[in-house]
C-alpha atoms as a PDB file:
ATOM      1  CA  MET A   1      72.181 135.981 -89.499  1.00  0.00           C
ATOM      2  CA  ALA A   2      75.819 136.951 -89.069  1.00  0.00           C
ATOM      3  CA  LYS A   3      78.377 134.218 -88.246  1.00  0.00           C
ATOM      4  CA  SER A   4      81.400 134.516 -86.337  1.00  0.00           C
ATOM      5  CA  LYS A   5      84.628 132.621 -87.198  1.00  0.00           C
ATOM      6  CA  PHE A   6      84.199 130.513 -83.975  1.00  0.00           C
ATOM      7  CA  GLU A   7      81.110 128.614 -85.066  1.00  0.00           C
ATOM      8  CA  TYR A   8      83.010 125.867 -86.536  1.00  0.00           C
ATOM      9  CA  VAL A   9      83.089 124.333 -83.214  1.00  0.00           C
ATOM     10  CA  LYS A  10      79.414 123.324 -83.599  1.00  0.00           C
ATOM     11  CA  GLN A  11      80.676 120.565 -85.847  1.00  0.00           C
ATOM     12  CA  PHE A  12      81.971 118.605 -82.848  1.00  0.00           C
ATOM     13  CA  GLU A  13      78.433 118.419 -81.513  1.00  0.00           C
ATOM     14  CA  SER A  14      76.768 114.928 -82.214  1.00  0.00           C
ATOM     15  CA  GLU A  15      73.047 114.569 -83.409  1.00  0.00           C
ATOM     16  CA  ASP A  16      72.404 111.401 -81.267  1.00  0.00           C
ATOM     17  CA  LYS A  17      68.983 111.114 -82.943  1.00  0.00           C
ATOM     18  CA  CYS A  18      66.965 108.204 -81.587  1.00  0.00           C
ATOM     19  CA  LEU A  19      66.056 105.785 -84.293  1.00  0.00           C
ATOM     20  CA  PRO A  20      62.539 106.097 -85.767  1.00  0.00           C
ATOM     21  CA  ASN A  21      59.719 103.712 -85.240  1.00  0.00           C
ATOM     22  CA  CYS A  22      61.138 102.846 -81.750  1.00  0.00           C
ATOM     23  CA  TRP A  23      59.555 103.261 -78.235  1.00  0.00           C
ATOM     24  CA  ILE A  24      61.724 105.899 -76.368  1.00  0.00           C
ATOM     25  CA  VAL A  25      62.022 105.068 -72.725  1.00  0.00           C
ATOM     26  CA  VAL A  26      63.776 107.423 -70.208  1.00  0.00           C
ATOM     27  CA  ARG A  27      64.587 105.695 -66.923  1.00  0.00           C
ATOM     28  CA  ILE A  28      65.687 107.908 -64.000  1.00  0.00           C
ATOM     29  CA  ASP A  29      67.161 106.381 -61.039  1.00  0.00           C
ATOM     30  CA  GLY A  30      68.060 108.004 -57.624  1.00  0.00           C
ATOM     31  CA  LYS A  31      71.679 108.479 -57.051  1.00  0.00           C
ATOM     32  CA  SER A  32      73.124 106.954 -53.797  1.00  0.00           C
ATOM     33  CA  PHE A  33      69.594 107.026 -52.290  1.00  0.00           C
ATOM     34  CA  HIS A  34      70.556 104.359 -49.782  1.00  0.00           C
ATOM     35  CA  ARG A  35      72.505 107.228 -48.028  1.00  0.00           C
ATOM     36  CA  PHE A  36      69.788 109.824 -48.991  1.00  0.00           C
ATOM     37  CA  SER A  37      66.991 107.710 -47.234  1.00  0.00           C
ATOM     38  CA  ASP A  38      69.135 107.134 -44.079  1.00  0.00           C
ATOM     39  CA  VAL A  39      70.053 110.831 -43.692  1.00  0.00           C
ATOM     40  CA  HIS A  40      66.382 111.714 -44.187  1.00  0.00           C
ATOM     41  CA  HIS A  41      65.061 108.953 -41.889  1.00  0.00           C
ATOM     42  CA  PHE A  42      62.948 107.141 -44.490  1.00  0.00           C
ATOM     43  CA  VAL A  43      60.586 104.426 -42.968  1.00  0.00           C
ATOM     44  CA  LYS A  44      61.811 100.992 -43.802  1.00  0.00           C
ATOM     45  CA  PRO A  45      61.210  98.956 -45.837  1.00  0.00           C
ATOM     46  CA  ASN A  46      58.707 101.454 -47.657  1.00  0.00           C
ATOM     47  CA  ASP A  47      58.142 105.115 -46.886  1.00  0.00           C
ATOM     48  CA  ASP A  48      54.739 106.288 -48.223  1.00  0.00           C
ATOM     49  CA  ARG A  49      55.892 109.909 -48.179  1.00  0.00           C
ATOM     50  CA  ALA A  50      58.946 108.978 -50.460  1.00  0.00           C
ATOM     51  CA  LEU A  51      56.764 107.044 -52.706  1.00  0.00           C
ATOM     52  CA  ASN A  52      54.125 109.622 -53.132  1.00  0.00           C
ATOM     53  CA  LEU A  53      56.638 112.445 -53.850  1.00  0.00           C
ATOM     54  CA  MET A  54      58.252 110.408 -56.515  1.00  0.00           C
ATOM     55  CA  THR A  55      54.837 109.725 -58.093  1.00  0.00           C
ATOM     56  CA  LYS A  56      53.956 113.570 -57.751  1.00  0.00           C
ATOM     57  CA  ALA A  57      57.133 114.339 -59.731  1.00  0.00           C
ATOM     58  CA  ALA A  58      56.353 111.787 -62.241  1.00  0.00           C
ATOM     59  CA  GLN A  59      52.868 113.419 -62.778  1.00  0.00           C
ATOM     60  CA  CYS A  60      54.400 116.724 -63.353  1.00  0.00           C
ATOM     61  CA  VAL A  61      56.817 115.308 -65.932  1.00  0.00           C
ATOM     62  CA  MET A  62      53.870 113.725 -67.728  1.00  0.00           C
ATOM     63  CA  GLU A  63      51.766 116.934 -67.596  1.00  0.00           C
ATOM     64  CA  GLU A  64      54.764 118.764 -69.204  1.00  0.00           C
ATOM     65  CA  TYR A  65      55.624 116.249 -71.839  1.00  0.00           C
ATOM     66  CA  LYS A  66      52.335 115.089 -73.368  1.00  0.00           C
ATOM     67  CA  ASP A  67      53.911 112.548 -75.681  1.00  0.00           C
ATOM     68  CA  ILE A  68      54.441 110.304 -72.635  1.00  0.00           C
ATOM     69  CA  VAL A  69      51.970 107.561 -72.748  1.00  0.00           C
ATOM     70  CA  LEU A  70      52.978 105.682 -69.679  1.00  0.00           C
ATOM     71  CA  SER A  71      55.305 106.037 -66.651  1.00  0.00           C
ATOM     72  CA  TYR A  72      56.172 103.113 -64.165  1.00  0.00           C
ATOM     73  CA  GLY A  73      57.825 103.767 -60.974  1.00  0.00           C
ATOM     74  CA  GLN A  74      59.053 101.866 -57.909  1.00  0.00           C
ATOM     75  CA  SER A  75      61.440 102.634 -55.006  1.00  0.00           C
ATOM     76  CA  ASP A  76      63.711 105.467 -56.273  1.00  0.00           C
ATOM     77  CA  GLU A  77      63.190 104.939 -60.104  1.00  0.00           C
ATOM     78  CA  TYR A  78      60.681 105.981 -62.665  1.00  0.00           C
ATOM     79  CA  SER A  79      60.692 104.906 -66.328  1.00  0.00           C
ATOM     80  CA  PHE A  80      58.940 107.219 -68.893  1.00  0.00           C
ATOM     81  CA  VAL A  81      57.588 105.768 -72.192  1.00  0.00           C
ATOM     82  CA  PHE A  82      57.271 108.192 -75.174  1.00  0.00           C
ATOM     83  CA  LYS A  83      54.844 107.166 -77.946  1.00  0.00           C
ATOM     84  CA  LYS A  84      56.686 105.695 -80.918  1.00  0.00           C
ATOM     85  CA  ASN A  85      56.405 108.513 -83.414  1.00  0.00           C
ATOM     86  CA  THR A  86      57.243 111.245 -80.985  1.00  0.00           C
ATOM     87  CA  SER A  87      59.055 114.334 -82.489  1.00  0.00           C
ATOM     88  CA  VAL A  88      59.758 115.756 -79.055  1.00  0.00           C
ATOM     89  CA  PHE A  89      63.123 117.609 -79.103  1.00  0.00           C
ATOM     90  CA  ASN A  90      63.564 116.235 -82.697  1.00  0.00           C
ATOM     91  CA  ARG A  91      64.096 112.834 -81.209  1.00  0.00           C
ATOM     92  CA  ARG A  92      67.513 113.847 -79.829  1.00  0.00           C
ATOM     93  CA  GLY A  93      68.336 111.401 -77.123  1.00  0.00           C
ATOM     94  CA  SER A  94      70.484 113.582 -74.924  1.00  0.00           C
ATOM     95  CA  LYS A  95      68.031 116.415 -75.089  1.00  0.00           C
ATOM     96  CA  ILE A  96      65.139 114.088 -74.126  1.00  0.00           C
ATOM     97  CA  MET A  97      67.074 112.547 -71.340  1.00  0.00           C
ATOM     98  CA  SER A  98      68.448 115.695 -69.822  1.00  0.00           C
ATOM     99  CA  ASN A  99      65.096 117.515 -69.894  1.00  0.00           C
ATOM    100  CA  ILE A 100      63.300 114.650 -68.303  1.00  0.00           C
ATOM    101  CA  VAL A 101      65.722 114.068 -65.457  1.00  0.00           C
ATOM    102  CA  SER A 102      66.242 117.754 -64.617  1.00  0.00           C
ATOM    103  CA  TYR A 103      62.511 118.530 -64.601  1.00  0.00           C
ATOM    104  CA  PHE A 104      61.963 115.483 -62.480  1.00  0.00           C
ATOM    105  CA  SER A 105      64.632 116.520 -60.022  1.00  0.00           C
ATOM    106  CA  SER A 106      63.333 119.979 -59.735  1.00  0.00           C
ATOM    107  CA  CYS A 107      59.745 118.791 -59.119  1.00  0.00           C
ATOM    108  CA  TYR A 108      61.027 116.355 -56.320  1.00  0.00           C
ATOM    109  CA  VAL A 109      62.798 119.310 -54.495  1.00  0.00           C
ATOM    110  CA  PHE A 110      59.802 121.666 -55.377  1.00  0.00           C
ATOM    111  CA  TYR A 111      57.335 119.370 -53.712  1.00  0.00           C
ATOM    112  CA  TRP A 112      59.410 117.953 -50.839  1.00  0.00           C
ATOM    113  CA  SER A 113      57.846 119.981 -48.016  1.00  0.00           C
ATOM    114  CA  ARG A 114      54.329 118.979 -49.126  1.00  0.00           C
ATOM    115  CA  PHE A 115      54.998 115.365 -48.346  1.00  0.00           C
ATOM    116  CA  PHE A 116      57.698 115.732 -45.581  1.00  0.00           C
ATOM    117  CA  ASN A 117      56.252 118.550 -43.718  1.00  0.00           C
ATOM    118  CA  VAL A 118      58.614 120.267 -41.459  1.00  0.00           C
ATOM    119  CA  GLN A 119      61.530 117.735 -42.181  1.00  0.00           C
ATOM    120  CA  PRO A 120      64.004 119.830 -44.191  1.00  0.00           C
ATOM    121  CA  LEU A 121      66.106 118.529 -47.138  1.00  0.00           C
ATOM    122  CA  GLN A 122      69.650 117.996 -45.640  1.00  0.00           C
ATOM    123  CA  TYR A 123      71.353 118.086 -49.027  1.00  0.00           C
ATOM    124  CA  PRO A 124      70.069 118.202 -52.721  1.00  0.00           C
ATOM    125  CA  PRO A 125      69.209 114.738 -54.172  1.00  0.00           C
ATOM    126  CA  SER A 126      70.269 113.852 -57.667  1.00  0.00           C
ATOM    127  CA  PHE A 127      69.038 111.433 -60.211  1.00  0.00           C
ATOM    128  CA  ASP A 128      70.949 109.745 -63.100  1.00  0.00           C
ATOM    129  CA  SER A 129      69.024 108.627 -66.347  1.00  0.00           C
ATOM    130  CA  ARG A 130      69.399 106.844 -69.579  1.00  0.00           C
ATOM    131  CA  VAL A 131      67.520 106.595 -72.853  1.00  0.00           C
ATOM    132  CA  VAL A 132      66.750 102.999 -74.179  1.00  0.00           C
ATOM    133  CA  LEU A 133      65.102 102.305 -77.557  1.00  0.00           C
ATOM    134  CA  TYR A 134      62.563  99.371 -77.896  1.00  0.00           C
ATOM    135  CA  PRO A 135      61.677  98.445 -81.495  1.00  0.00           C
ATOM    136  CA  SER A 136      58.690  96.288 -80.875  1.00  0.00           C
ATOM    137  CA  ASP A 137      55.517  96.288 -78.529  1.00  0.00           C
ATOM    138  CA  LYS A 138      57.037  93.003 -77.071  1.00  0.00           C
ATOM    139  CA  ASN A 139      60.234  94.488 -76.293  1.00  0.00           C
ATOM    140  CA  LEU A 140      58.498  97.393 -74.566  1.00  0.00           C
ATOM    141  CA  ARG A 141      56.225  95.059 -72.636  1.00  0.00           C
ATOM    142  CA  ASP A 142      59.145  92.791 -71.579  1.00  0.00           C
ATOM    143  CA  TYR A 143      60.969  95.894 -70.311  1.00  0.00           C
ATOM    144  CA  LEU A 144      58.106  97.011 -68.112  1.00  0.00           C
ATOM    145  CA  SER A 145      57.561  93.487 -66.843  1.00  0.00           C
ATOM    146  CA  TRP A 146      61.295  93.233 -65.928  1.00  0.00           C
ATOM    147  CA  ARG A 147      60.870  96.610 -63.797  1.00  0.00           C
ATOM    148  CA  GLN A 148      57.706  95.165 -62.154  1.00  0.00           C
ATOM    149  CA  ALA A 149      59.192  91.729 -61.421  1.00  0.00           C
ATOM    150  CA  ASP A 150      62.267  93.682 -59.926  1.00  0.00           C
ATOM    151  CA  CYS A 151      59.824  95.653 -57.761  1.00  0.00           C
ATOM    152  CA  HIS A 152      58.300  92.411 -56.295  1.00  0.00           C
ATOM    153  CA  ILE A 153      61.836  90.705 -55.619  1.00  0.00           C
ATOM    154  CA  ASN A 154      63.212  93.626 -54.032  1.00  0.00           C
ATOM    155  CA  ASN A 155      60.177  94.334 -51.901  1.00  0.00           C
ATOM    156  CA  LEU A 156      59.844  90.748 -50.677  1.00  0.00           C
ATOM    157  CA  TYR A 157      63.563  90.671 -49.663  1.00  0.00           C
ATOM    158  CA  ASN A 158      63.317  94.165 -47.919  1.00  0.00           C
ATOM    159  CA  THR A 159      60.154  93.307 -46.251  1.00  0.00           C
ATOM    160  CA  CYS A 160      61.848  90.012 -44.813  1.00  0.00           C
ATOM    161  CA  PHE A 161      65.119  91.992 -43.923  1.00  0.00           C
ATOM    162  CA  TRP A 162      63.540  94.693 -42.130  1.00  0.00           C
ATOM    163  CA  LYS A 163      61.140  92.438 -40.133  1.00  0.00           C
ATOM    164  CA  LEU A 164      64.189  90.535 -38.966  1.00  0.00           C
ATOM    165  CA  VAL A 165      66.011  93.723 -38.004  1.00  0.00           C
ATOM    166  CA  GLN A 166      63.002  95.640 -36.453  1.00  0.00           C
ATOM    167  CA  ASP A 167      61.040  92.713 -34.869  1.00  0.00           C
ATOM    168  CA  LYS A 168      63.602  90.195 -34.065  1.00  0.00           C
ATOM    169  CA  GLY A 169      66.542  92.444 -33.228  1.00  0.00           C
ATOM    170  CA  PHE A 170      68.970  91.203 -35.860  1.00  0.00           C
ATOM    171  CA  THR A 171      71.756  93.353 -36.943  1.00  0.00           C
ATOM    172  CA  PRO A 172      71.792  94.058 -40.736  1.00  0.00           C
ATOM    173  CA  ALA A 173      74.570  91.462 -41.184  1.00  0.00           C
ATOM    174  CA  GLN A 174      72.704  88.680 -39.304  1.00  0.00           C
ATOM    175  CA  SER A 175      69.435  89.375 -41.357  1.00  0.00           C
ATOM    176  CA  GLN A 176      71.511  89.292 -44.519  1.00  0.00           C
ATOM    177  CA  GLU A 177      73.115  85.980 -43.598  1.00  0.00           C
ATOM    178  CA  ARG A 178      69.504  84.613 -42.637  1.00  0.00           C
ATOM    179  CA  LEU A 179      68.165  85.312 -46.043  1.00  0.00           C
ATOM    180  CA  LYS A 180      71.248  84.269 -48.048  1.00  0.00           C
ATOM    181  CA  GLY A 181      70.264  81.594 -50.718  1.00  0.00           C
ATOM    182  CA  THR A 182      66.462  81.655 -49.809  1.00  0.00           C
ATOM    183  CA  MET A 183      63.903  81.538 -52.526  1.00  0.00           C
ATOM    184  CA  SER A 184      60.562  83.485 -52.894  1.00  0.00           C
ATOM    185  CA  SER A 185      58.725  80.668 -51.378  1.00  0.00           C
ATOM    186  CA  ASP A 186      61.111  80.575 -48.313  1.00  0.00           C
ATOM    187  CA  LYS A 187      60.479  84.251 -47.760  1.00  0.00           C
ATOM    188  CA  ASN A 188      56.899  84.107 -48.012  1.00  0.00           C
ATOM    189  CA  GLU A 189      57.064  81.198 -45.313  1.00  0.00           C
ATOM    190  CA  LEU A 190      59.287  83.206 -43.050  1.00  0.00           C
ATOM    191  CA  LEU A 191      56.942  86.163 -43.123  1.00  0.00           C
ATOM    192  CA  TYR A 192      53.791  83.888 -42.590  1.00  0.00           C
ATOM    193  CA  GLN A 193      55.429  81.719 -39.933  1.00  0.00           C
ATOM    194  CA  GLU A 194      57.489  83.993 -37.876  1.00  0.00           C
ATOM    195  CA  PHE A 195      55.549  87.279 -38.357  1.00  0.00           C
ATOM    196  CA  ASN A 196      52.160  86.205 -39.054  1.00  0.00           C
ATOM    197  CA  THR A 197      52.204  88.291 -42.234  1.00  0.00           C
ATOM    198  CA  ASN A 198      50.790  87.235 -45.509  1.00  0.00           C
ATOM    199  CA  TYR A 199      52.829  88.997 -48.245  1.00  0.00           C
ATOM    200  CA  ASN A 200      49.944  89.114 -50.700  1.00  0.00           C
ATOM    201  CA  ASN A 201      47.959  91.159 -48.263  1.00  0.00           C
ATOM    202  CA  LEU A 202      50.575  94.203 -48.293  1.00  0.00           C
ATOM    203  CA  PRO A 203      49.604  97.339 -50.097  1.00  0.00           C
ATOM    204  CA  ASP A 204      49.681  96.803 -54.052  1.00  0.00           C
ATOM    205  CA  VAL A 205      51.954 100.022 -54.261  1.00  0.00           C
ATOM    206  CA  TYR A 206      54.775  98.095 -52.446  1.00  0.00           C
ATOM    207  CA  ARG A 207      54.421  94.703 -54.404  1.00  0.00           C
ATOM    208  CA  LYS A 208      53.626  96.147 -57.832  1.00  0.00           C
ATOM    209  CA  GLY A 209      54.816  99.685 -58.116  1.00  0.00           C
ATOM    210  CA  SER A 210      52.899 102.663 -59.586  1.00  0.00           C
ATOM    211  CA  ILE A 211      51.663 102.847 -63.234  1.00  0.00           C
ATOM    212  CA  LEU A 212      50.855 106.325 -64.398  1.00  0.00           C
ATOM    213  CA  ILE A 213      48.737 106.804 -67.636  1.00  0.00           C
ATOM    214  CA  PRO A 214      46.729 109.666 -69.107  1.00  0.00           C
ATOM    215  CA  SER A 215      43.110 109.345 -67.938  1.00  0.00           C
ATOM    216  CA  LYS A 216      40.389 108.418 -70.552  1.00  0.00           C
ATOM    217  CA  GLU A 217      38.401 111.256 -68.951  1.00  0.00           C
ATOM    218  CA  GLY A 218      40.761 113.671 -70.915  1.00  0.00           C
ATOM    219  CA  SER A 219      42.375 116.925 -69.554  1.00  0.00           C
ATOM    220  CA  ILE A 220      41.371 119.265 -66.714  1.00  0.00           C
ATOM    221  CA  LEU A 221      41.494 122.977 -66.389  1.00  0.00           C
ATOM    222  CA  ILE A 222      43.805 124.233 -63.751  1.00  0.00           C
ATOM    223  CA  PRO A 223      44.695 127.708 -62.530  1.00  0.00           C
ATOM    224  CA  VAL A 224      48.096 129.276 -63.416  1.00  0.00           C
ATOM    225  CA  ARG A 225      49.606 132.105 -61.489  1.00  0.00           C
ATOM    226  CA  LYS A 226      51.904 134.058 -63.941  1.00  0.00           C
ATOM    227  CA  GLY A 227      53.503 136.069 -61.100  1.00  0.00           C
ATOM    228  CA  SER A 228      54.720 139.618 -60.550  1.00  0.00           C
ATOM    229  CA  ILE A 229      56.583 141.505 -63.290  1.00  0.00           C
ATOM    230  CA  LEU A 230      59.545 143.750 -62.912  1.00  0.00           C
ATOM    231  CA  ILE A 231      58.685 147.234 -63.910  1.00  0.00           C
ATOM    232  CA  PRO A 232      61.611 149.383 -64.426  1.00  0.00           C
ATOM    233  CA  SER A 233      60.601 153.301 -64.032  1.00  0.00           C
ATOM    234  CA  LYS A 234      61.285 155.748 -66.688  1.00  0.00           C
ATOM    235  CA  GLU A 235      62.476 158.352 -64.334  1.00  0.00           C
ATOM    236  CA  LYS A 236      65.553 160.346 -65.426  1.00  0.00           C
ATOM    237  CA  ALA A 237      68.737 159.234 -63.911  1.00  0.00           C
ATOM    238  CA  VAL A 238      69.979 161.156 -61.034  1.00  0.00           C
ATOM    239  CA  GLU A 239      72.897 161.322 -58.871  1.00  0.00           C
ATOM    240  CA  SER A 240      72.642 160.306 -55.213  1.00  0.00           C
ATOM    241  CA  LYS A 241      74.666 158.916 -52.287  1.00  0.00           C
ATOM    242  CA  PRO A 242      74.442 155.356 -51.546  1.00  0.00           C
ATOM    243  CA  MET A 243      72.805 154.609 -48.263  1.00  0.00           C
ATOM    244  CA  ASN A 244      75.119 153.484 -45.295  1.00  0.00           C
ATOM    245  CA  SER A 245      78.018 153.710 -47.579  1.00  0.00           C
ATOM    246  CA  THR A 246      81.587 153.074 -46.239  1.00  0.00           C
ATOM    247  CA  TYR A 247      82.703 156.036 -48.426  1.00  0.00           C
ATOM    248  CA  PRO A 248      80.257 158.741 -47.782  1.00  0.00           C
ATOM    249  CA  ASN A 249      81.716 161.148 -50.240  1.00  0.00           C
ATOM    250  CA  THR A 250      81.375 158.801 -53.251  1.00  0.00           C
ATOM    251  CA  LYS A 251      78.479 159.452 -55.567  1.00  0.00           C
ATOM    252  CA  GLU A 252      77.065 156.803 -57.995  1.00  0.00           C
ATOM    253  CA  PRO A 253      74.338 157.411 -60.588  1.00  0.00           C
ATOM    254  CA  HIS A 254      70.736 156.341 -59.723  1.00  0.00           C
ATOM    255  CA  ARG A 255      69.624 154.436 -62.859  1.00  0.00           C
ATOM    256  CA  GLY A 256      65.919 154.634 -62.050  1.00  0.00           C
ATOM    257  CA  SER A 257      63.816 152.508 -59.735  1.00  0.00           C
ATOM    258  CA  VAL A 258      62.504 148.982 -60.292  1.00  0.00           C
ATOM    259  CA  SER A 259      59.359 147.815 -58.737  1.00  0.00           C
ATOM    260  CA  PHE A 260      57.196 144.780 -58.665  1.00  0.00           C
ATOM    261  CA  SER A 261      53.611 145.111 -59.770  1.00  0.00           C
ATOM    262  CA  ASN A 262      51.006 144.584 -56.987  1.00  0.00           C
ATOM    263  CA  SER A 263      48.488 142.752 -59.049  1.00  0.00           C
ATOM    264  CA  LEU A 264      49.201 139.010 -59.846  1.00  0.00           C
ATOM    265  CA  ASP A 265      47.646 137.753 -63.310  1.00  0.00           C
ATOM    266  CA  HIS A 266      46.060 134.520 -63.170  1.00  0.00           C
ATOM    267  CA  GLY A 267      45.027 132.321 -66.033  1.00  0.00           C
ATOM    268  CA  THR A 268      44.210 128.806 -66.821  1.00  0.00           C
ATOM    269  CA  LYS A 269      45.660 125.994 -68.930  1.00  0.00           C
ATOM    270  CA  MET A 270      44.661 122.651 -69.984  1.00  0.00           C
ATOM    271  CA  ASN A 271      46.656 119.706 -68.263  1.00  0.00           C
ATOM    272  CA  PRO A 272      46.037 116.029 -68.883  1.00  0.00           C
ATOM    273  CA  LYS A 273      44.391 114.225 -66.072  1.00  0.00           C
ATOM    274  CA  ILE A 274      46.834 111.384 -64.914  1.00  0.00           C
ATOM    275  CA  ASP A 275      45.593 108.182 -63.354  1.00  0.00           C
ATOM    276  CA  VAL A 276      47.639 106.266 -60.857  1.00  0.00           C
ATOM    277  CA  LEU A 277      47.353 102.504 -60.846  1.00  0.00           C
ATOM    278  CA  HIS A 278      48.908  99.787 -58.837  1.00  0.00           C
ATOM    279  CA  VAL A 279      48.017  96.612 -60.894  1.00  0.00           C
ATOM    280  CA  ASP A 280      49.803  93.885 -62.691  1.00  0.00           C
ATOM    281  CA  LEU A 281      51.620  94.914 -65.766  1.00  0.00           C
ATOM    282  CA  ILE A 282      52.935  91.457 -66.855  1.00  0.00           C
ATOM    283  CA  GLY A 283      49.612  89.769 -67.805  1.00  0.00           C
ATOM    284  CA  GLU A 284      47.301  90.439 -70.634  1.00  0.00           C
ATOM    285  CA  LYS A 285      44.589  92.076 -68.637  1.00  0.00           C
ATOM    286  CA  PHE A 286      46.116  95.576 -68.259  1.00  0.00           C
ATOM    287  CA  TRP A 287      46.977  95.753 -71.925  1.00  0.00           C
ATOM    288  CA  GLU A 288      43.455  94.776 -72.976  1.00  0.00           C
ATOM    289  CA  GLU A 289      41.918  97.491 -70.757  1.00  0.00           C
ATOM    290  CA  HIS A 290      44.323 100.014 -72.035  1.00  0.00           C
ATOM    291  CA  SER A 291      44.801  98.898 -75.660  1.00  0.00           C
ATOM    292  CA  ASN A 292      45.248 102.567 -76.711  1.00  0.00           C
ATOM    293  CA  ILE A 293      48.708 102.678 -75.215  1.00  0.00           C
ATOM    294  CA  LEU A 294      50.234 100.616 -77.643  1.00  0.00           C
ATOM    295  CA  THR A 295      48.381 101.886 -80.631  1.00  0.00           C
ATOM    296  CA  SER A 296      49.125 105.616 -79.783  1.00  0.00           C
ATOM    297  CA  ARG A 297      51.127 107.284 -82.562  1.00  0.00           C
END
């Protein structure tokens, strides 16, 4: 292949290969989603539409990148765990990170109307991302435990905060002051005594987040629409006047017509079936029931 004298600039590119024999985790996080949720009138403290949309986008990512063995999501974030020996994008961190976050963002926008119906997007959402490597199974489990513990802590606080605002008429500042310095036991007591709410009875998805794993049932066959095809005609180029031209005496060559085929070609492809769970990740039970995750190579 011929080379130009300018190709030396490729020397400035960094390889940024992820270390071998490490779990690759890509975590995406909504950028300025406090403002985004306010502008789009998310239900507080938890909006099922928004949570389900995040999970749908994560499912799409797992269907596209089959080396992902587990995803965990809560609020406006998702973590994607690649198997230890993955060779996706030759283990280049920047390539993995950019592809995951861009595809997730695209799917989030693409499926917005399915979950929010007639409510339009007011402006494009964006997500940041990072790649983190975990050398041991314990490191990976501790990371996922950290994210699930964070889900519980944030949800307990937000549930109390919005109960005070919505049911007691507190201002956000007053609610924040009321909760300052409180422990988890204090917040549970507040919910039970003042709002007759048992925190443990709230939906698991709010308290534990969402775990996505490939189903043990295997893959499913889904229809694929291949779409219309642009077909340029083989007509000989002729000269013709442009319609409604400002300059009626100007002629321009007609390069042949372009049309869409009327028939849409349909096919099928195999996609992994993804199970969505809302269970405890911190204890041993999940890992005993899904031992194949840590042994996947």
